[in-house]
Amino acid sequence: MNISLFHVARFVILWTAIWMGLSGFQAIAQEAPARADMSQQWQHADAAQDGMIGTSAARAYSELLAGRTPQPVVVAIIDSGTEVSHPDLDGNIWVNTDEIAGNGVDDDRNGYVDDIHGWSFISGPGGDVVHDNLEFTRLYAALYKLFNGKTEEQVSKSERADFRRYISMKADYENRLAEAEQQREEYNQIVQFHALADGLIKTKLGKDEYSLEDLALITPEDDLMNASLDFMRAVFEDDLMAQLEDYRQHIESQFEYSYNLDFNPRPMVGDRYEDTRERIYGTPRMHGPKAEHGTHVAGIVGAERNDFGMDGICPSCQLMILRCVPDGDERDKDVANSIRYAVDNGARIINMSFGKSYSPHKDVVDEAVRYAESKGVLIIHAAGNEGKNVDKKDNFPNARYEKGGRCKTWIEVGASTASAQQLAADFSNYGKKSVDIFAPGVAVYSTMTEASYKLESGTSMASPVVAGVAGALLAYFPELSAAEIRKILLASGTDFSKQKVTLPGSTEEVAFGTLSRTGRVINLYEAVKLAQEKAGK
């Protein structure tokens, strides 16, 4: 059995990077607890008072907003779906009062039947889209059908640019499959090492069952036993085998869905998919079969303030639920329609905690974003979790219009930690031109499906932090426009521009100010002060 101890250590690094990058998930589940303290929900903390670089939301509410009555603000959560029955969310879910639930009639004549709390653009007569492939795969599959087996000499001159793109994407596709295959091999080696370590420890202890306490009785006589003990401690303390199973499922999902050229779940939706400007399709099943991500995001923005669970940053927000994000890459048509639905049905703020590297119908998304901008709707978007410079490598959707210019009501958000020693999260995307501001995005405590709670990490968590801060500001200063809210939020963030940090995805040290337009971390306390000055209150 040829098992490299290197692969054991590498698994921890590799799995953390992959799982963080894909879903921002940190597997720490908790059942409905008493109200979390500041150390748990540190996104509300104040650096001076609590020693953690949060949003200073708790301080803003206690010192600046106490005794004042907020106005309700509708925030659209465009995501994977949300558990609207969660006891920490159910009182803050948007209700379409012009629609009668369950009567099968479009009472408000907006084109969507029974849209009581929102809409799903990835479900239909055939069921709910759970998995989808990557946009890269969809684009490559179309080129593969045209050019597989051909040489450049065999295609027409008008097709040669597409053929060269096919050749480039083919190399990328094969590299991705090879990497996935390597991950599968490394997973198998880790499983083999687990069996070896377990056998060595059972032999050493002289029994078939043992506990974490038993491991402390063993004095390692060589590196192999030392590694075995470390591994089995992780099994007991960190639920490592459950993480391995998640890793296995991720690997198999790459082959079955992400890179499967023949996989296409779209027919179940029942729309005319090629008609990118089709508006009316989908169902009111906005919960969806995989609502974990959207439920967590929704709680960060607007969970109720009560004596259990956690607090949303904007408890006066009404959460409009829109589902267009499967396990895989969202489709441009669905993103555009979700934005339009949100705008047409009264959302003042839209949160989008998703992204991808290709956008074949960016023009359609741009039209929807321009529409939101024209209606004074603020769009908050997660910068992504690949540790890359999005000035150089695209992350879609984004604020840049294909035909020139930028959306003036868009905020792009990177993820920060609670500590100035490493303020930029090591997975966060960044960009001096493309990212506007950073916000808490590591081990953020929020709501989860089945009325539970979890810690999760990712720019997916940082974005709703900013959406919540924006919602709170708008709730107390409803006269402010989206552009004014954006300007205040970016100007009032805590300035860490000169703070030295490790560049995400590397070991290089840089100034935090090089990672975004502002070099700041969002701060509700300072935003309220600035809004008060502007409003004369």
Protein backbone atom coordinates (compact mmCIF):
# COMPACT_ATOMS: atom_id res chain seq x y z
CA MET A 1 0.00 0.00 0.00
CA ASN A 2 1.78 3.12 -1.24
CA ILE A 3 0.32 5.98 0.81
CA SER A 4 2.06 9.33 0.96
CA LEU A 5 1.74 11.20 4.24
CA PHE A 6 2.01 14.33 2.11
CA HIS A 7 -1.47 13.62 0.75
CA VAL A 8 -2.95 13.49 4.24
CA ALA A 9 -1.79 17.03 4.99
CA ARG A 10 -2.62 18.19 1.47
CA PHE A 11 -6.20 16.97 1.82
CA VAL A 12 -6.89 19.42 4.63
CA ILE A 13 -5.54 22.33 2.57
CA LEU A 14 -7.12 21.21 -0.69
CA TRP A 15 -10.53 20.42 0.75
CA THR A 16 -10.69 23.68 2.67
CA ALA A 17 -9.90 25.65 -0.50
CA ILE A 18 -12.35 23.73 -2.69
CA TRP A 19 -15.23 23.69 -0.24
CA MET A 20 -14.73 27.35 0.69
CA GLY A 21 -14.44 28.39 -2.92
CA LEU A 22 -17.52 26.53 -4.08
CA SER A 23 -20.02 27.16 -1.35
CA GLY A 24 -18.37 29.08 1.48
CA PHE A 25 -19.42 26.29 3.81
CA GLN A 26 -17.86 25.59 7.18
CA ALA A 27 -19.46 22.48 8.63
CA ILE A 28 -20.38 23.59 12.14
CA ALA A 29 -24.07 22.92 12.67
CA GLN A 30 -25.97 24.00 15.73
CA GLU A 31 -29.57 23.43 16.73
CA ALA A 32 -31.74 26.35 17.82
CA PRO A 33 -29.70 27.85 20.68
CA ALA A 34 -30.23 30.76 22.98
CA ARG A 35 -29.45 34.09 21.38
CA ALA A 36 -25.85 34.03 20.20
CA ASP A 37 -23.37 36.30 21.93
CA MET A 38 -21.13 38.81 20.19
CA SER A 39 -18.26 36.35 19.84
CA GLN A 40 -20.51 34.09 17.76
CA GLN A 41 -22.18 36.72 15.61
CA TRP A 42 -19.15 38.94 15.35
CA GLN A 43 -20.48 40.64 12.22
CA HIS A 44 -22.24 43.01 14.65
CA ALA A 45 -19.10 43.76 16.68
CA ASP A 46 -17.27 47.05 17.09
CA ALA A 47 -13.48 47.00 16.86
CA ALA A 48 -12.93 49.41 19.76
CA GLN A 49 -15.53 47.93 22.11
CA ASP A 50 -15.37 44.23 21.22
CA GLY A 51 -11.92 43.71 19.75
CA MET A 52 -13.33 42.29 16.50
CA ILE A 53 -13.59 44.16 13.20
CA GLY A 54 -17.29 43.80 12.57
CA THR A 55 -19.82 46.33 11.26
CA SER A 56 -20.38 48.13 14.59
CA ALA A 57 -24.08 47.37 14.05
CA ALA A 58 -24.81 46.63 17.72
CA ARG A 59 -23.24 49.93 18.70
CA ALA A 60 -25.17 51.80 16.01
CA TYR A 61 -28.49 50.45 17.27
CA SER A 62 -27.75 51.10 20.94
CA GLU A 63 -26.15 54.54 20.61
CA LEU A 64 -27.50 56.18 17.45
CA LEU A 65 -30.77 54.50 16.48
CA ALA A 66 -32.34 53.73 19.86
CA GLY A 67 -35.89 55.04 20.16
CA ARG A 68 -36.27 55.69 16.45
CA THR A 69 -38.83 53.90 14.29
CA PRO A 70 -37.52 52.34 11.07
CA GLN A 71 -39.49 52.01 7.86
CA PRO A 72 -39.76 48.52 6.32
CA VAL A 73 -37.35 47.92 3.45
CA VAL A 74 -37.78 45.13 0.89
CA VAL A 75 -34.53 43.27 0.20
CA ALA A 76 -34.51 40.67 -2.56
CA ILE A 77 -32.45 37.56 -1.83
CA ILE A 78 -31.54 36.11 -5.24
CA ASP A 79 -30.06 32.75 -4.33
CA SER A 80 -30.66 29.01 -4.05
CA GLY A 81 -33.94 29.37 -2.15
CA THR A 82 -34.76 30.16 1.48
CA GLU A 83 -36.57 28.32 4.25
CA VAL A 84 -39.30 30.90 4.82
CA SER A 85 -40.72 28.94 7.77
CA HIS A 86 -37.51 29.28 9.80
CA PRO A 87 -38.53 30.66 13.23
CA ASP A 88 -35.87 33.37 13.00
CA LEU A 89 -37.01 34.44 9.51
CA ASP A 90 -40.74 33.81 9.20
CA GLY A 91 -41.75 37.18 10.63
CA ASN A 92 -39.54 39.07 8.18
CA ILE A 93 -40.44 37.35 4.91
CA TRP A 94 -41.91 39.65 2.26
CA VAL A 95 -45.59 39.05 1.52
CA ASN A 96 -47.19 39.98 -1.77
CA THR A 97 -50.44 41.33 -0.36
CA ASP A 98 -51.96 41.66 -3.83
CA GLU A 99 -51.81 37.91 -4.37
CA ILE A 100 -54.10 35.25 -2.81
CA ALA A 101 -52.11 32.21 -1.79
CA GLY A 102 -52.83 28.90 -3.47
CA ASN A 103 -55.80 29.89 -5.61
CA GLY A 104 -54.01 29.29 -8.90
CA VAL A 105 -54.84 32.79 -10.13
CA ASP A 106 -52.50 35.65 -10.99
CA ASP A 107 -54.41 38.06 -8.75
CA ASP A 108 -52.00 40.99 -9.12
CA ARG A 109 -51.56 40.36 -12.86
CA ASN A 110 -47.79 40.54 -12.72
CA GLY A 111 -47.48 37.35 -14.75
CA TYR A 112 -46.58 35.11 -11.81
CA VAL A 113 -49.27 32.92 -10.24
CA ASP A 114 -49.32 32.60 -6.43
CA ASP A 115 -46.06 34.49 -5.94
CA ILE A 116 -46.72 35.14 -2.26
CA HIS A 117 -43.11 35.39 -1.06
CA GLY A 118 -41.20 35.49 -4.35
CA TRP A 119 -40.50 33.19 -7.28
CA SER A 120 -38.31 30.39 -8.63
CA PHE A 121 -36.93 30.63 -12.15
CA ILE A 122 -35.33 27.17 -11.96
CA SER A 123 -38.38 25.01 -11.44
CA GLY A 124 -41.30 24.04 -13.60
CA PRO A 125 -43.65 21.24 -14.62
CA GLY A 126 -40.76 18.76 -14.65
CA GLY A 127 -39.63 19.57 -11.12
CA ASP A 128 -36.87 21.63 -9.50
CA VAL A 129 -33.38 22.04 -10.93
CA VAL A 130 -31.07 20.82 -8.18
CA HIS A 131 -27.81 20.40 -10.10
CA ASP A 132 -26.58 22.15 -13.21
CA ASN A 133 -23.27 22.19 -15.03
CA LEU A 134 -20.82 25.07 -15.23
CA GLU A 135 -21.26 27.85 -17.78
CA PHE A 136 -17.83 26.87 -19.08
CA THR A 137 -19.14 23.36 -19.76
CA ARG A 138 -22.26 24.61 -21.51
CA LEU A 139 -20.17 26.81 -23.82
CA TYR A 140 -17.63 24.06 -24.51
CA ALA A 141 -20.39 21.49 -25.18
CA ALA A 142 -21.84 23.71 -27.91
CA LEU A 143 -18.43 24.10 -29.55
CA TYR A 144 -17.70 20.38 -29.14
CA LYS A 145 -20.79 19.50 -31.17
CA LEU A 146 -19.61 21.76 -33.97
CA PHE A 147 -15.91 20.97 -34.12
CA ASN A 148 -15.10 17.65 -32.48
CA GLY A 149 -12.87 15.60 -34.78
CA LYS A 150 -12.21 18.46 -37.18
CA THR A 151 -9.01 20.31 -38.03
CA GLU A 152 -8.76 24.04 -38.70
CA GLU A 153 -8.44 23.34 -42.43
CA GLN A 154 -11.80 21.56 -42.39
CA VAL A 155 -13.80 24.51 -41.08
CA SER A 156 -14.84 27.61 -42.98
CA LYS A 157 -12.99 30.89 -42.54
CA SER A 158 -16.03 32.38 -40.81
CA GLU A 159 -15.86 29.58 -38.21
CA ARG A 160 -12.15 29.67 -37.50
CA ALA A 161 -12.32 32.11 -34.58
CA ASP A 162 -14.85 29.79 -32.88
CA PHE A 163 -12.70 26.78 -33.76
CA ARG A 164 -9.66 28.33 -32.08
CA ARG A 165 -11.80 29.06 -29.05
CA TYR A 166 -12.86 25.40 -29.09
CA ILE A 167 -9.22 24.26 -29.12
CA SER A 168 -8.40 26.54 -26.21
CA MET A 169 -11.43 25.44 -24.19
CA LYS A 170 -10.72 21.78 -25.03
CA ALA A 171 -7.29 22.06 -23.39
CA ASP A 172 -8.86 23.77 -20.37
CA TYR A 173 -11.59 21.12 -20.17
CA GLU A 174 -9.10 18.27 -20.27
CA ASN A 175 -7.00 19.95 -17.56
CA ARG A 176 -10.08 20.34 -15.36
CA LEU A 177 -10.99 16.68 -15.79
CA ALA A 178 -7.42 15.68 -15.00
CA GLU A 179 -7.49 17.77 -11.84
CA ALA A 180 -10.79 16.19 -10.79
CA GLU A 181 -9.30 12.75 -11.45
CA GLN A 182 -6.29 13.67 -9.29
CA GLN A 183 -8.63 14.74 -6.51
CA ARG A 184 -10.39 11.38 -6.76
CA GLU A 185 -7.08 9.56 -6.50
CA GLU A 186 -6.05 11.67 -3.51
CA TYR A 187 -9.41 10.96 -1.87
CA ASN A 188 -8.84 7.24 -2.35
CA GLN A 189 -5.38 7.55 -0.78
CA ILE A 190 -6.83 9.37 2.22
CA VAL A 191 -9.43 6.62 2.67
CA GLN A 192 -6.65 4.02 2.50
CA PHE A 193 -4.62 5.96 5.05
CA HIS A 194 -7.63 6.06 7.37
CA ALA A 195 -7.85 2.27 7.20
CA LEU A 196 -4.10 1.94 7.84
CA ALA A 197 -4.14 4.42 10.76
CA ASP A 198 -7.19 2.80 12.31
CA GLY A 199 -5.58 -0.65 12.07
CA LEU A 200 -2.29 0.51 13.58
CA ILE A 201 -4.03 2.13 16.55
CA LYS A 202 -6.27 -0.88 17.17
CA THR A 203 -3.20 -3.13 17.17
CA LYS A 204 -1.34 -0.77 19.49
CA LEU A 205 -4.22 -0.56 21.94
CA GLY A 206 -5.12 -4.21 21.60
CA LYS A 207 -8.84 -3.57 21.06
CA ASP A 208 -11.25 -3.00 18.18
CA GLU A 209 -13.02 0.05 19.61
CA TYR A 210 -11.35 3.09 21.08
CA SER A 211 -12.01 6.71 22.02
CA LEU A 212 -10.28 10.06 21.71
CA GLU A 213 -9.05 9.60 25.26
CA ASP A 214 -7.43 6.29 24.30
CA LEU A 215 -5.31 8.07 21.69
CA ALA A 216 -3.64 10.05 24.47
CA LEU A 217 -2.33 6.80 25.94
CA ILE A 218 -0.18 6.07 22.87
CA THR A 219 3.40 7.33 22.61
CA PRO A 220 4.27 7.49 18.90
CA GLU A 221 7.47 5.63 18.06
CA ASP A 222 7.75 6.85 14.45
CA ASP A 223 6.36 9.36 11.95
CA LEU A 224 3.75 6.93 10.69
CA MET A 225 2.20 6.48 14.14
CA ASN A 226 2.43 10.21 14.78
CA ALA A 227 0.54 10.92 11.54
CA SER A 228 -1.97 8.19 12.38
CA LEU A 229 -2.70 9.75 15.75
CA ASP A 230 -3.10 13.21 14.21
CA PHE A 231 -5.46 11.83 11.60
CA MET A 232 -7.63 9.94 14.08
CA ARG A 233 -7.78 12.94 16.42
CA ALA A 234 -9.22 14.90 13.49
CA VAL A 235 -11.72 12.09 12.95
CA PHE A 236 -12.95 12.43 16.52
CA GLU A 237 -12.62 16.19 17.02
CA ASP A 238 -13.40 17.63 13.56
CA ASP A 239 -15.75 15.01 12.12
CA LEU A 240 -13.15 14.42 9.42
CA MET A 241 -14.91 11.42 7.89
CA ALA A 242 -18.03 13.51 7.26
CA GLN A 243 -15.85 16.09 5.54
CA LEU A 244 -14.29 13.33 3.46
CA GLU A 245 -17.74 12.17 2.40
CA ASP A 246 -18.62 15.74 1.38
CA TYR A 247 -15.36 15.85 -0.55
CA ARG A 248 -16.19 12.57 -2.31
CA GLN A 249 -19.62 13.90 -3.29
CA HIS A 250 -18.00 17.09 -4.63
CA ILE A 251 -15.58 15.06 -6.74
CA GLU A 252 -18.28 12.81 -8.17
CA SER A 253 -20.50 15.84 -8.81
CA GLN A 254 -17.80 17.26 -11.06
CA PHE A 255 -17.97 14.21 -13.30
CA GLU A 256 -21.74 13.75 -13.10
CA TYR A 257 -22.81 17.38 -13.44
CA SER A 258 -20.19 20.14 -13.56
CA TYR A 259 -18.17 18.80 -16.53
CA ASN A 260 -20.71 16.41 -18.05
CA LEU A 261 -21.19 17.54 -21.66
CA ASP A 262 -24.43 15.57 -21.97
CA PHE A 263 -26.09 16.74 -18.75
CA ASN A 264 -28.89 19.27 -19.23
CA PRO A 265 -31.57 19.67 -16.53
CA ARG A 266 -33.16 22.67 -18.22
CA PRO A 267 -36.08 20.92 -19.96
CA MET A 268 -37.78 20.38 -16.58
CA VAL A 269 -38.30 24.17 -16.29
CA GLY A 270 -40.44 24.21 -19.42
CA ASP A 271 -39.35 27.61 -20.75
CA ARG A 272 -38.22 28.50 -24.26
CA TYR A 273 -34.62 28.52 -23.11
CA GLU A 274 -33.12 30.03 -26.24
CA ASP A 275 -35.44 33.03 -25.89
CA THR A 276 -33.27 34.97 -23.45
CA ARG A 277 -35.85 37.71 -23.06
CA GLU A 278 -38.70 35.40 -22.10
CA ARG A 279 -40.06 36.58 -18.77
CA ILE A 280 -42.90 34.36 -17.62
CA TYR A 281 -41.86 30.86 -16.53
CA GLY A 282 -41.03 29.08 -13.29
CA THR A 283 -43.06 28.35 -10.16
CA PRO A 284 -43.70 29.83 -6.69
CA ARG A 285 -41.59 27.03 -5.17
CA MET A 286 -38.91 29.49 -4.06
CA HIS A 287 -37.78 27.27 -1.15
CA GLY A 288 -36.14 24.76 -3.48
CA PRO A 289 -34.53 21.41 -2.63
CA LYS A 290 -31.17 22.93 -1.62
CA ALA A 291 -32.01 26.06 0.35
CA GLU A 292 -29.07 26.02 2.76
CA HIS A 293 -27.07 28.79 1.11
CA GLY A 294 -30.01 31.13 0.58
CA THR A 295 -31.30 30.57 4.10
CA HIS A 296 -27.94 31.52 5.57
CA VAL A 297 -27.71 34.62 3.39
CA ALA A 298 -31.24 35.72 4.29
CA GLY A 299 -30.55 35.45 8.01
CA ILE A 300 -27.47 37.65 7.80
CA VAL A 301 -29.54 40.38 6.19
CA GLY A 302 -32.76 40.23 8.14
CA ALA A 303 -33.20 37.57 10.83
CA GLU A 304 -35.55 38.68 13.57
CA ARG A 305 -34.23 40.19 16.80
CA ASN A 306 -35.60 37.96 19.56
CA ASP A 307 -34.30 35.94 22.50
CA PHE A 308 -32.91 33.02 20.50
CA GLY A 309 -30.75 32.27 17.48
CA MET A 310 -29.10 35.24 15.86
CA ASP A 311 -29.78 38.82 14.79
CA GLY A 312 -30.06 40.12 11.26
CA ILE A 313 -28.25 43.36 10.61
CA CYS A 314 -31.52 44.85 9.35
CA PRO A 315 -34.42 43.31 11.31
CA SER A 316 -36.81 45.81 9.69
CA CYS A 317 -36.10 44.30 6.27
CA GLN A 318 -38.70 42.28 4.41
CA LEU A 319 -37.00 39.42 2.58
CA MET A 320 -38.21 38.74 -0.97
CA ILE A 321 -37.08 35.26 -2.00
CA LEU A 322 -35.98 34.61 -5.59
CA ARG A 323 -34.50 31.30 -6.65
CA CYS A 324 -32.21 31.10 -9.67
CA VAL A 325 -29.00 29.52 -8.30
CA PRO A 326 -28.66 25.71 -8.59
CA ASP A 327 -25.79 23.53 -7.44
CA GLY A 328 -23.72 24.64 -10.42
CA ASP A 329 -23.61 27.86 -12.41
CA GLU A 330 -26.70 30.05 -12.60
CA ARG A 331 -27.94 30.99 -16.08
CA ASP A 332 -27.95 34.57 -17.35
CA LYS A 333 -31.59 34.49 -18.36
CA ASP A 334 -32.68 33.53 -14.83
CA VAL A 335 -30.44 36.14 -13.22
CA ALA A 336 -31.87 38.87 -15.43
CA ASN A 337 -35.45 37.83 -14.72
CA SER A 338 -34.81 37.64 -10.99
CA ILE A 339 -33.47 41.20 -11.00
CA ARG A 340 -36.47 42.45 -12.99
CA TYR A 341 -38.94 40.65 -10.72
CA ALA A 342 -37.31 42.21 -7.66
CA VAL A 343 -37.46 45.70 -9.12
CA ASP A 344 -41.04 45.38 -10.38
CA ASN A 345 -42.30 44.06 -7.05
CA GLY A 346 -40.87 46.70 -4.76
CA ALA A 347 -37.37 45.65 -3.73
CA ARG A 348 -35.12 48.58 -2.83
CA ILE A 349 -32.03 46.39 -2.40
CA ILE A 350 -30.96 43.20 -4.21
CA ASN A 351 -28.40 40.79 -2.77
CA MET A 352 -26.60 38.43 -5.17
CA SER A 353 -24.23 35.96 -3.47
CA PHE A 354 -23.20 34.03 -6.56
CA GLY A 355 -20.89 34.33 -9.54
CA LYS A 356 -19.21 32.55 -12.44
CA SER A 357 -16.34 32.99 -14.89
CA TYR A 358 -18.37 33.12 -18.13
CA SER A 359 -21.48 35.09 -19.09
CA PRO A 360 -22.61 34.32 -22.66
CA HIS A 361 -25.67 36.55 -22.38
CA LYS A 362 -24.21 39.39 -20.39
CA ASP A 363 -26.18 41.82 -22.56
CA VAL A 364 -29.43 40.44 -21.12
CA VAL A 365 -28.14 40.74 -17.56
CA ASP A 366 -26.84 44.25 -18.29
CA GLU A 367 -30.31 45.30 -19.48
CA ALA A 368 -31.81 44.10 -16.19
CA VAL A 369 -29.08 45.83 -14.16
CA ARG A 370 -29.64 49.08 -16.11
CA TYR A 371 -33.35 48.72 -15.35
CA ALA A 372 -32.63 48.34 -11.63
CA GLU A 373 -30.29 51.32 -11.73
CA SER A 374 -32.93 53.43 -13.50
CA LYS A 375 -35.44 52.55 -10.77
CA GLY A 376 -33.07 53.46 -7.94
CA VAL A 377 -32.44 49.90 -6.71
CA LEU A 378 -29.16 49.12 -4.94
CA ILE A 379 -27.41 45.90 -6.04
CA ILE A 380 -24.98 44.16 -3.68
CA HIS A 381 -22.82 41.39 -5.16
CA ALA A 382 -20.26 38.94 -3.77
CA ALA A 383 -16.81 39.25 -5.35
CA GLY A 384 -16.15 35.49 -5.33
CA ASN A 385 -13.99 33.01 -3.44
CA GLU A 386 -11.14 32.00 -5.76
CA GLY A 387 -8.50 34.29 -4.27
CA LYS A 388 -8.09 36.00 -7.65
CA ASN A 389 -7.79 39.54 -8.94
CA VAL A 390 -11.12 40.26 -10.63
CA ASP A 391 -9.61 43.28 -12.36
CA LYS A 392 -7.79 40.69 -14.49
CA LYS A 393 -10.07 37.63 -14.37
CA ASP A 394 -13.78 38.21 -14.77
CA ASN A 395 -16.38 37.29 -12.18
CA PHE A 396 -19.96 37.64 -13.47
CA PRO A 397 -22.30 39.37 -13.03
CA ASN A 398 -20.46 42.62 -12.50
CA ALA A 399 -20.97 46.38 -12.55
CA ARG A 400 -19.29 46.94 -15.93
CA TYR A 401 -21.70 47.26 -18.83
CA GLU A 402 -20.67 45.47 -22.01
CA LYS A 403 -21.35 48.60 -24.04
CA GLY A 404 -19.38 50.84 -21.68
CA GLY A 405 -19.87 52.49 -18.32
CA ARG A 406 -20.69 51.09 -14.88
CA CYS A 407 -23.80 50.66 -12.79
CA LYS A 408 -23.89 53.53 -10.30
CA THR A 409 -25.99 51.63 -7.78
CA TRP A 410 -23.77 48.51 -7.54
CA ILE A 411 -21.51 47.50 -4.63
CA GLU A 412 -19.00 44.66 -5.09
CA VAL A 413 -17.97 43.04 -1.80
CA GLY A 414 -14.87 41.16 -0.66
CA ALA A 415 -14.64 39.12 2.56
CA SER A 416 -12.77 40.25 5.67
CA THR A 417 -11.89 38.56 8.95
CA ALA A 418 -12.31 39.77 12.53
CA SER A 419 -8.59 40.48 12.92
CA ALA A 420 -6.42 43.23 11.49
CA GLN A 421 -3.48 40.79 11.44
CA GLN A 422 -5.03 39.07 8.41
CA LEU A 423 -7.87 41.34 7.44
CA ALA A 424 -8.49 39.99 3.94
CA ALA A 425 -9.94 36.46 3.95
CA ASP A 426 -7.45 34.15 2.24
CA PHE A 427 -10.10 32.94 -0.24
CA SER A 428 -11.57 36.33 -1.15
CA ASN A 429 -11.39 37.76 -4.64
CA TYR A 430 -10.09 41.31 -4.80
CA GLY A 431 -9.49 44.13 -7.26
CA LYS A 432 -8.50 47.77 -6.99
CA LYS A 433 -10.94 48.66 -9.78
CA SER A 434 -13.61 45.99 -9.39
CA VAL A 435 -14.17 45.46 -5.64
CA ASP A 436 -15.68 48.36 -3.73
CA ILE A 437 -15.41 47.38 -0.07
CA PHE A 438 -14.84 44.45 2.29
CA ALA A 439 -17.18 43.07 4.95
CA PRO A 440 -17.20 40.23 7.54
CA GLY A 441 -17.17 36.94 5.66
CA VAL A 442 -15.35 34.33 7.76
CA ALA A 443 -17.20 32.04 10.19
CA VAL A 444 -20.37 34.11 10.03
CA TYR A 445 -23.18 32.72 12.18
CA SER A 446 -26.65 32.62 10.64
CA THR A 447 -29.82 30.68 9.97
CA MET A 448 -29.84 27.28 8.26
CA THR A 449 -32.49 24.90 6.97
CA GLU A 450 -34.48 22.70 9.35
CA ALA A 451 -34.71 25.63 11.78
CA SER A 452 -31.00 25.33 12.61
CA TYR A 453 -27.93 27.57 12.54
CA LYS A 454 -24.40 27.32 11.14
CA LEU A 455 -21.15 29.15 10.68
CA GLU A 456 -20.28 29.73 7.04
CA SER A 457 -17.49 31.55 5.27
CA GLY A 458 -17.28 33.23 1.89
CA THR A 459 -17.92 36.47 0.05
CA SER A 460 -21.42 34.99 -0.10
CA MET A 461 -21.66 35.96 3.56
CA ALA A 462 -19.92 39.33 3.20
CA SER A 463 -22.38 40.51 0.55
CA PRO A 464 -25.52 40.15 2.73
CA VAL A 465 -23.66 41.87 5.56
CA VAL A 466 -23.43 44.92 3.27
CA ALA A 467 -27.02 44.43 2.10
CA GLY A 468 -28.11 44.43 5.75
CA VAL A 469 -26.15 47.59 6.51
CA ALA A 470 -27.64 49.26 3.44
CA GLY A 471 -31.11 48.12 4.48
CA ALA A 472 -30.68 49.49 7.99
CA LEU A 473 -29.52 52.83 6.63
CA LEU A 474 -32.46 53.02 4.24
CA ALA A 475 -34.90 51.99 6.98
CA TYR A 476 -33.94 55.00 9.12
CA PHE A 477 -33.21 57.40 6.25
CA PRO A 478 -35.84 56.45 3.63
CA GLU A 479 -35.35 59.73 1.78
CA LEU A 480 -31.88 58.66 0.64
CA SER A 481 -31.49 57.40 -2.92
CA ALA A 482 -29.65 54.20 -3.85
CA ALA A 483 -26.74 56.23 -5.22
CA GLU A 484 -26.58 58.26 -1.98
CA ILE A 485 -26.67 55.09 0.13
CA ARG A 486 -23.82 53.64 -1.92
CA LYS A 487 -21.75 56.80 -1.56
CA ILE A 488 -22.29 56.91 2.21
CA LEU A 489 -21.45 53.24 2.72
CA LEU A 490 -18.21 53.46 0.77
CA ALA A 491 -17.13 56.72 2.40
CA SER A 492 -17.93 55.66 5.98
CA GLY A 493 -16.26 52.26 6.06
CA THR A 494 -13.37 51.85 8.49
CA ASP A 495 -10.18 52.80 6.65
CA PHE A 496 -7.55 50.04 6.68
CA SER A 497 -5.95 51.06 3.41
CA LYS A 498 -2.40 51.15 4.86
CA GLN A 499 -2.76 47.93 6.86
CA LYS A 500 -0.38 45.21 5.62
CA VAL A 501 -2.16 41.95 4.78
CA THR A 502 -1.37 38.72 2.97
CA LEU A 503 -2.61 38.86 -0.60
CA PRO A 504 -5.41 36.27 -0.94
CA GLY A 505 -4.24 33.16 -2.75
CA SER A 506 -0.55 33.90 -2.14
CA THR A 507 2.09 34.59 0.51
CA GLU A 508 2.83 38.12 -0.72
CA GLU A 509 2.30 41.04 1.66
CA VAL A 510 0.39 44.03 0.30
CA ALA A 511 -1.43 47.06 1.60
CA PHE A 512 -5.13 46.37 2.20
CA GLY A 513 -5.87 49.48 0.13
CA THR A 514 -4.67 47.71 -3.02
CA LEU A 515 -7.46 45.11 -2.77
CA SER A 516 -10.45 47.40 -3.34
CA ARG A 517 -11.47 50.87 -4.44
CA THR A 518 -11.81 52.13 -0.88
CA GLY A 519 -9.45 50.06 1.30
CA ARG A 520 -12.31 50.01 3.82
CA VAL A 521 -14.46 47.58 5.82
CA ILE A 522 -18.19 48.35 6.00
CA ASN A 523 -19.33 50.10 9.22
CA LEU A 524 -22.97 50.82 10.09
CA TYR A 525 -22.15 53.10 13.04
CA GLU A 526 -20.10 55.45 10.88
CA ALA A 527 -22.62 55.20 8.03
CA VAL A 528 -25.44 56.35 10.32
CA LYS A 529 -23.34 59.27 11.53
CA LEU A 530 -22.64 60.33 7.95
CA ALA A 531 -26.29 59.91 6.97
CA GLN A 532 -27.33 62.04 9.94
CA GLU A 533 -25.00 64.79 8.79
CA LYS A 534 -26.38 64.61 5.28
CA ALA A 535 -30.01 64.56 6.42
CA GLY A 536 -29.51 67.13 9.16
CA LYS A 537 -30.96 64.80 11.80
